[in-house]
Amino acid sequence: MNKPAIILLLLALCLPVSWASAQSKKSSSKSSGGNGGAGYQTAIGLRGGNYASGLTIKHFTGGKNVAIEGLITTEYYAKGVRGTLLFEKHFPLKELRGFQFYVGAGLHAGAYRGRYYYDVAYRQRNKKYEVYRYYYYDDKVYPVFGGDFLAGAEYKFDDLPIVVGVDIKPYFDIFDGRTAAYTDGAVSIRFTF
């Protein structure tokens, strides 16, 4: 993936977060500071999953426990990068301070380079079928788009600027005229400010 495409992808993820920041500053005098019951307003960190890992930034947009999360990830099985934008609704637990559940949905876009695939051929010889497998690798760049869903839980430590979370993110990809569905479970750690 070339550098201008990566820069455009980063800008596309940062603009909604900066717009949301401006909106929350306008409404912070009316609300409870913009973070609801989360205990923080913005957090940046790392997300490690079974399919994709990368950077994560989460920002609360008002006093209603609504957050925008941006992910820039790479996959273990595909060469490439993907940017994801998620809109989340958080549900803090009053009994456990700092602990909350959340659900959300969003979209992603990116590019993969290369894929492995194979064809199967059958031949009949002497009343017996033989199976031949032909393995291929192509080195094309495939743009990918798709939708994401998210459910998770996170805990904000009272005395540390750290949030630890775990989530499950089912998503689907559309690339090269094909579709595929995956489920990505992950653990994330973020620093708050």
C-alpha atoms as a PDB file:
ATOM      1  CA  MET A   1       0.000   0.000   0.000  1.00  0.00           C
ATOM      2  CA  ASN A   2       1.484   3.352  -0.965  1.00  0.00           C
ATOM      3  CA  LYS A   3       2.114   6.231   1.427  1.00  0.00           C
ATOM      4  CA  PRO A   4      -0.577   8.648   0.137  1.00  0.00           C
ATOM      5  CA  ALA A   5      -3.259   6.001   0.632  1.00  0.00           C
ATOM      6  CA  ILE A   6      -2.114   5.366   4.216  1.00  0.00           C
ATOM      7  CA  ILE A   7      -2.082   9.105   4.966  1.00  0.00           C
ATOM      8  CA  LEU A   8      -5.600   9.534   3.550  1.00  0.00           C
ATOM      9  CA  LEU A   9      -6.824   6.596   5.621  1.00  0.00           C
ATOM     10  CA  LEU A  10      -5.349   8.098   8.805  1.00  0.00           C
ATOM     11  CA  LEU A  11      -6.919  11.484   8.057  1.00  0.00           C
ATOM     12  CA  ALA A  12     -10.290   9.865   7.404  1.00  0.00           C
ATOM     13  CA  LEU A  13     -10.163   8.243  10.842  1.00  0.00           C
ATOM     14  CA  CYS A  14      -8.962  11.373  12.656  1.00  0.00           C
ATOM     15  CA  LEU A  15     -11.453  13.878  11.230  1.00  0.00           C
ATOM     16  CA  PRO A  16     -14.579  12.392  12.866  1.00  0.00           C
ATOM     17  CA  VAL A  17     -12.758  12.210  16.209  1.00  0.00           C
ATOM     18  CA  SER A  18     -11.690  15.870  16.007  1.00  0.00           C
ATOM     19  CA  TRP A  19     -15.232  16.878  14.974  1.00  0.00           C
ATOM     20  CA  ALA A  20     -16.632  14.924  17.927  1.00  0.00           C
ATOM     21  CA  SER A  21     -14.136  16.643  20.220  1.00  0.00           C
ATOM     22  CA  ALA A  22     -15.328  20.052  19.066  1.00  0.00           C
ATOM     23  CA  GLN A  23     -18.953  19.019  19.584  1.00  0.00           C
ATOM     24  CA  SER A  24     -18.305  17.730  23.107  1.00  0.00           C
ATOM     25  CA  LYS A  25     -16.537  20.968  24.077  1.00  0.00           C
ATOM     26  CA  LYS A  26     -19.646  22.890  23.051  1.00  0.00           C
ATOM     27  CA  SER A  27     -21.935  20.658  25.069  1.00  0.00           C
ATOM     28  CA  SER A  28     -19.649  20.049  28.044  1.00  0.00           C
ATOM     29  CA  SER A  29     -21.070  23.019  29.896  1.00  0.00           C
ATOM     30  CA  LYS A  30     -24.526  21.441  29.603  1.00  0.00           C
ATOM     31  CA  SER A  31     -23.516  17.865  30.376  1.00  0.00           C
ATOM     32  CA  SER A  32     -21.430  16.060  32.936  1.00  0.00           C
ATOM     33  CA  GLY A  33     -18.063  16.711  31.293  1.00  0.00           C
ATOM     34  CA  GLY A  34     -18.414  14.595  28.174  1.00  0.00           C
ATOM     35  CA  ASN A  35     -17.465  11.194  29.509  1.00  0.00           C
ATOM     36  CA  GLY A  36     -20.649  10.051  31.211  1.00  0.00           C
ATOM     37  CA  GLY A  37     -19.806   7.258  33.633  1.00  0.00           C
ATOM     38  CA  ALA A  38     -16.635   6.111  31.877  1.00  0.00           C
ATOM     39  CA  GLY A  39     -14.141   7.916  34.096  1.00  0.00           C
ATOM     40  CA  TYR A  40     -12.192   9.268  31.104  1.00  0.00           C
ATOM     41  CA  GLN A  41     -12.812  11.172  27.892  1.00  0.00           C
ATOM     42  CA  THR A  42     -10.096   9.996  25.465  1.00  0.00           C
ATOM     43  CA  ALA A  43      -7.855   6.934  25.478  1.00  0.00           C
ATOM     44  CA  ILE A  44      -5.175   5.670  23.078  1.00  0.00           C
ATOM     45  CA  GLY A  45      -3.621   2.211  23.094  1.00  0.00           C
ATOM     46  CA  LEU A  46      -3.112  -1.194  21.521  1.00  0.00           C
ATOM     47  CA  ARG A  47      -5.581  -3.903  20.547  1.00  0.00           C
ATOM     48  CA  GLY A  48      -4.488  -7.509  20.090  1.00  0.00           C
ATOM     49  CA  GLY A  49      -6.926  -9.906  18.478  1.00  0.00           C
ATOM     50  CA  ASN A  50      -7.034 -13.359  16.960  1.00  0.00           C
ATOM     51  CA  TYR A  51      -7.401 -11.935  13.397  1.00  0.00           C
ATOM     52  CA  ALA A  52      -6.260  -8.315  13.582  1.00  0.00           C
ATOM     53  CA  SER A  53      -4.081  -6.228  15.887  1.00  0.00           C
ATOM     54  CA  GLY A  54      -3.145  -2.574  15.911  1.00  0.00           C
ATOM     55  CA  LEU A  55      -3.778   0.869  17.330  1.00  0.00           C
ATOM     56  CA  THR A  56      -7.003   2.027  18.967  1.00  0.00           C
ATOM     57  CA  ILE A  57      -8.317   5.429  19.999  1.00  0.00           C
ATOM     58  CA  LYS A  58     -11.608   5.953  21.829  1.00  0.00           C
ATOM     59  CA  HIS A  59     -13.275   9.288  22.485  1.00  0.00           C
ATOM     60  CA  PHE A  60     -16.518   9.997  24.358  1.00  0.00           C
ATOM     61  CA  THR A  61     -18.687  12.518  22.515  1.00  0.00           C
ATOM     62  CA  GLY A  62     -21.067  13.759  25.182  1.00  0.00           C
ATOM     63  CA  GLY A  63     -22.660  13.042  28.517  1.00  0.00           C
ATOM     64  CA  LYS A  64     -24.749  10.147  27.216  1.00  0.00           C
ATOM     65  CA  ASN A  65     -22.081   7.382  27.359  1.00  0.00           C
ATOM     66  CA  VAL A  66     -21.605   7.446  23.575  1.00  0.00           C
ATOM     67  CA  ALA A  67     -18.110   6.921  22.160  1.00  0.00           C
ATOM     68  CA  ILE A  68     -16.373   6.848  18.800  1.00  0.00           C
ATOM     69  CA  GLU A  69     -13.550   4.328  18.430  1.00  0.00           C
ATOM     70  CA  GLY A  70     -11.044   4.266  15.601  1.00  0.00           C
ATOM     71  CA  LEU A  71      -8.865   1.244  14.820  1.00  0.00           C
ATOM     72  CA  ILE A  72      -5.900   0.908  12.483  1.00  0.00           C
ATOM     73  CA  THR A  73      -5.061  -2.778  12.236  1.00  0.00           C
ATOM     74  CA  THR A  74      -3.105  -5.325  10.260  1.00  0.00           C
ATOM     75  CA  GLU A  75      -4.127  -8.941   9.879  1.00  0.00           C
ATOM     76  CA  TYR A  76      -2.143 -12.079  10.577  1.00  0.00           C
ATOM     77  CA  TYR A  77      -3.441 -13.958   7.529  1.00  0.00           C
ATOM     78  CA  ALA A  78      -3.468 -11.129   4.974  1.00  0.00           C
ATOM     79  CA  LYS A  79      -0.836  -8.570   4.122  1.00  0.00           C
ATOM     80  CA  GLY A  80      -2.384  -5.148   4.381  1.00  0.00           C
ATOM     81  CA  VAL A  81      -3.972  -2.550   6.591  1.00  0.00           C
ATOM     82  CA  ARG A  82      -7.522  -1.723   7.577  1.00  0.00           C
ATOM     83  CA  GLY A  83      -9.083   1.340   9.199  1.00  0.00           C
ATOM     84  CA  THR A  84     -12.245   0.881  11.264  1.00  0.00           C
ATOM     85  CA  LEU A  85     -14.629   3.468  12.689  1.00  0.00           C
ATOM     86  CA  LEU A  86     -17.026   2.255  15.415  1.00  0.00           C
ATOM     87  CA  PHE A  87     -19.859   4.025  17.212  1.00  0.00           C
ATOM     88  CA  GLU A  88     -20.437   2.628  20.708  1.00  0.00           C
ATOM     89  CA  LYS A  89     -22.989   2.913  23.508  1.00  0.00           C
ATOM     90  CA  HIS A  90     -21.588   2.268  27.005  1.00  0.00           C
ATOM     91  CA  PHE A  91     -23.499   0.937  30.001  1.00  0.00           C
ATOM     92  CA  PRO A  92     -21.619   1.624  33.279  1.00  0.00           C
ATOM     93  CA  LEU A  93     -22.329  -0.582  36.280  1.00  0.00           C
ATOM     94  CA  LYS A  94     -23.130   1.424  39.392  1.00  0.00           C
ATOM     95  CA  GLU A  95     -22.117  -1.466  41.666  1.00  0.00           C
ATOM     96  CA  LEU A  96     -18.601  -1.744  40.187  1.00  0.00           C
ATOM     97  CA  ARG A  97     -17.029   1.655  39.703  1.00  0.00           C
ATOM     98  CA  GLY A  98     -14.946   1.842  36.525  1.00  0.00           C
ATOM     99  CA  PHE A  99     -16.499  -1.262  34.943  1.00  0.00           C
ATOM    100  CA  GLN A 100     -18.798  -0.990  31.938  1.00  0.00           C
ATOM    101  CA  PHE A 101     -20.264  -2.964  29.069  1.00  0.00           C
ATOM    102  CA  TYR A 102     -20.623  -1.607  25.554  1.00  0.00           C
ATOM    103  CA  VAL A 103     -22.118  -2.471  22.181  1.00  0.00           C
ATOM    104  CA  GLY A 104     -21.576  -0.826  18.836  1.00  0.00           C
ATOM    105  CA  ALA A 105     -21.376  -0.978  15.083  1.00  0.00           C
ATOM    106  CA  GLY A 106     -19.325   0.623  12.343  1.00  0.00           C
ATOM    107  CA  LEU A 107     -17.572   0.336   9.006  1.00  0.00           C
ATOM    108  CA  HIS A 108     -14.073  -0.482   7.816  1.00  0.00           C
ATOM    109  CA  ALA A 109     -11.993   0.010   4.679  1.00  0.00           C
ATOM    110  CA  GLY A 110      -8.507  -1.038   3.695  1.00  0.00           C
ATOM    111  CA  ALA A 111      -6.450  -3.110   1.306  1.00  0.00           C
ATOM    112  CA  TYR A 112      -5.020  -6.637   1.303  1.00  0.00           C
ATOM    113  CA  ARG A 113      -2.124  -7.766  -0.813  1.00  0.00           C
ATOM    114  CA  GLY A 114      -1.968 -11.311  -2.082  1.00  0.00           C
ATOM    115  CA  ARG A 115      -3.959 -14.376  -1.228  1.00  0.00           C
ATOM    116  CA  TYR A 116      -3.512 -18.126  -1.282  1.00  0.00           C
ATOM    117  CA  TYR A 117      -6.041 -20.375  -2.968  1.00  0.00           C
ATOM    118  CA  TYR A 118      -6.209 -23.718  -4.727  1.00  0.00           C
ATOM    119  CA  ASP A 119      -8.159 -25.569  -7.382  1.00  0.00           C
ATOM    120  CA  VAL A 120      -9.114 -29.233  -7.308  1.00  0.00           C
ATOM    121  CA  ALA A 121      -9.153 -31.366 -10.440  1.00  0.00           C
ATOM    122  CA  TYR A 122     -10.403 -34.928 -10.764  1.00  0.00           C
ATOM    123  CA  ARG A 123      -9.183 -37.403 -13.362  1.00  0.00           C
ATOM    124  CA  GLN A 124     -10.299 -40.912 -14.012  1.00  0.00           C
ATOM    125  CA  ARG A 125      -7.704 -43.570 -14.735  1.00  0.00           C
ATOM    126  CA  ASN A 126      -8.427 -47.278 -14.816  1.00  0.00           C
ATOM    127  CA  LYS A 127     -11.859 -46.835 -13.200  1.00  0.00           C
ATOM    128  CA  LYS A 128     -10.245 -44.935 -10.363  1.00  0.00           C
ATOM    129  CA  TYR A 129     -10.527 -41.213  -9.630  1.00  0.00           C
ATOM    130  CA  GLU A 130      -7.398 -39.273  -8.819  1.00  0.00           C
ATOM    131  CA  VAL A 131      -7.494 -35.909  -7.109  1.00  0.00           C
ATOM    132  CA  TYR A 132      -5.051 -33.157  -8.018  1.00  0.00           C
ATOM    133  CA  ARG A 133      -4.689 -29.949  -6.054  1.00  0.00           C
ATOM    134  CA  TYR A 134      -3.127 -26.903  -7.663  1.00  0.00           C
ATOM    135  CA  TYR A 135      -1.979 -24.237  -5.214  1.00  0.00           C
ATOM    136  CA  TYR A 136      -1.760 -20.602  -6.279  1.00  0.00           C
ATOM    137  CA  TYR A 137      -0.673 -17.310  -4.829  1.00  0.00           C
ATOM    138  CA  ASP A 138      -1.518 -14.021  -6.458  1.00  0.00           C
ATOM    139  CA  ASP A 139       0.196 -10.761  -5.604  1.00  0.00           C
ATOM    140  CA  LYS A 140      -2.603  -8.329  -6.428  1.00  0.00           C
ATOM    141  CA  VAL A 141      -3.808  -5.574  -4.121  1.00  0.00           C
ATOM    142  CA  TYR A 142      -7.455  -5.999  -3.154  1.00  0.00           C
ATOM    143  CA  PRO A 143      -9.421  -3.080  -1.712  1.00  0.00           C
ATOM    144  CA  VAL A 144     -11.675  -4.275   1.084  1.00  0.00           C
ATOM    145  CA  PHE A 145     -14.785  -2.751   2.661  1.00  0.00           C
ATOM    146  CA  GLY A 146     -17.183  -4.072   5.241  1.00  0.00           C
ATOM    147  CA  GLY A 147     -19.291  -3.717   8.340  1.00  0.00           C
ATOM    148  CA  ASP A 148     -18.476  -4.379  11.975  1.00  0.00           C
ATOM    149  CA  PHE A 149     -20.438  -5.148  15.122  1.00  0.00           C
ATOM    150  CA  LEU A 150     -18.973  -5.010  18.617  1.00  0.00           C
ATOM    151  CA  ALA A 151     -19.758  -6.139  22.165  1.00  0.00           C
ATOM    152  CA  GLY A 152     -17.337  -5.867  25.042  1.00  0.00           C
ATOM    153  CA  ALA A 153     -16.464  -4.834  28.559  1.00  0.00           C
ATOM    154  CA  GLU A 154     -13.763  -2.584  29.966  1.00  0.00           C
ATOM    155  CA  TYR A 155     -12.387  -1.532  33.323  1.00  0.00           C
ATOM    156  CA  LYS A 156     -10.862   1.871  34.146  1.00  0.00           C
ATOM    157  CA  PHE A 157      -8.455   1.757  37.083  1.00  0.00           C
ATOM    158  CA  ASP A 158      -9.148   4.505  39.642  1.00  0.00           C
ATOM    159  CA  ASP A 159      -5.554   5.308  40.533  1.00  0.00           C
ATOM    160  CA  LEU A 160      -3.949   4.656  37.116  1.00  0.00           C
ATOM    161  CA  PRO A 161      -4.579   6.241  33.708  1.00  0.00           C
ATOM    162  CA  ILE A 162      -5.193   2.797  32.186  1.00  0.00           C
ATOM    163  CA  VAL A 163      -8.254   1.112  30.679  1.00  0.00           C
ATOM    164  CA  VAL A 164      -8.223  -2.643  30.021  1.00  0.00           C
ATOM    165  CA  GLY A 165     -10.906  -4.106  27.785  1.00  0.00           C
ATOM    166  CA  VAL A 166     -12.004  -7.292  26.102  1.00  0.00           C
ATOM    167  CA  ASP A 167     -14.358  -7.451  23.141  1.00  0.00           C
ATOM    168  CA  ILE A 168     -15.721  -9.619  20.378  1.00  0.00           C
ATOM    169  CA  LYS A 169     -16.114  -8.059  16.944  1.00  0.00           C
ATOM    170  CA  PRO A 170     -17.974  -9.989  14.242  1.00  0.00           C
ATOM    171  CA  TYR A 171     -17.406  -8.399  10.845  1.00  0.00           C
ATOM    172  CA  PHE A 172     -17.797  -9.054   7.149  1.00  0.00           C
ATOM    173  CA  ASP A 173     -15.490  -8.195   4.250  1.00  0.00           C
ATOM    174  CA  ILE A 174     -16.341  -7.428   0.653  1.00  0.00           C
ATOM    175  CA  PHE A 175     -13.334  -7.782  -1.645  1.00  0.00           C
ATOM    176  CA  ASP A 176     -12.739  -8.810  -5.251  1.00  0.00           C
ATOM    177  CA  GLY A 177     -16.415  -9.624  -5.737  1.00  0.00           C
ATOM    178  CA  ARG A 178     -16.452 -11.990  -2.756  1.00  0.00           C
ATOM    179  CA  THR A 179     -17.759 -11.749   0.780  1.00  0.00           C
ATOM    180  CA  ALA A 180     -16.464 -13.372   3.934  1.00  0.00           C
ATOM    181  CA  ALA A 181     -17.527 -13.227   7.593  1.00  0.00           C
ATOM    182  CA  TYR A 182     -15.171 -13.429  10.581  1.00  0.00           C
ATOM    183  CA  THR A 183     -15.309 -13.090  14.353  1.00  0.00           C
ATOM    184  CA  ASP A 184     -12.397 -11.273  15.972  1.00  0.00           C
ATOM    185  CA  GLY A 185     -11.955 -11.489  19.735  1.00  0.00           C
ATOM    186  CA  ALA A 186      -9.458  -9.065  21.256  1.00  0.00           C
ATOM    187  CA  VAL A 187      -7.897  -7.600  24.380  1.00  0.00           C
ATOM    188  CA  SER A 188      -7.013  -3.913  24.469  1.00  0.00           C
ATOM    189  CA  ILE A 189      -5.060  -1.678  26.800  1.00  0.00           C
ATOM    190  CA  ARG A 190      -5.345   2.095  26.553  1.00  0.00           C
ATOM    191  CA  PHE A 191      -3.829   5.093  28.300  1.00  0.00           C
ATOM    192  CA  THR A 192      -6.350   7.764  29.253  1.00  0.00           C
ATOM    193  CA  PHE A 193      -6.104  11.529  29.269  1.00  0.00           C
END
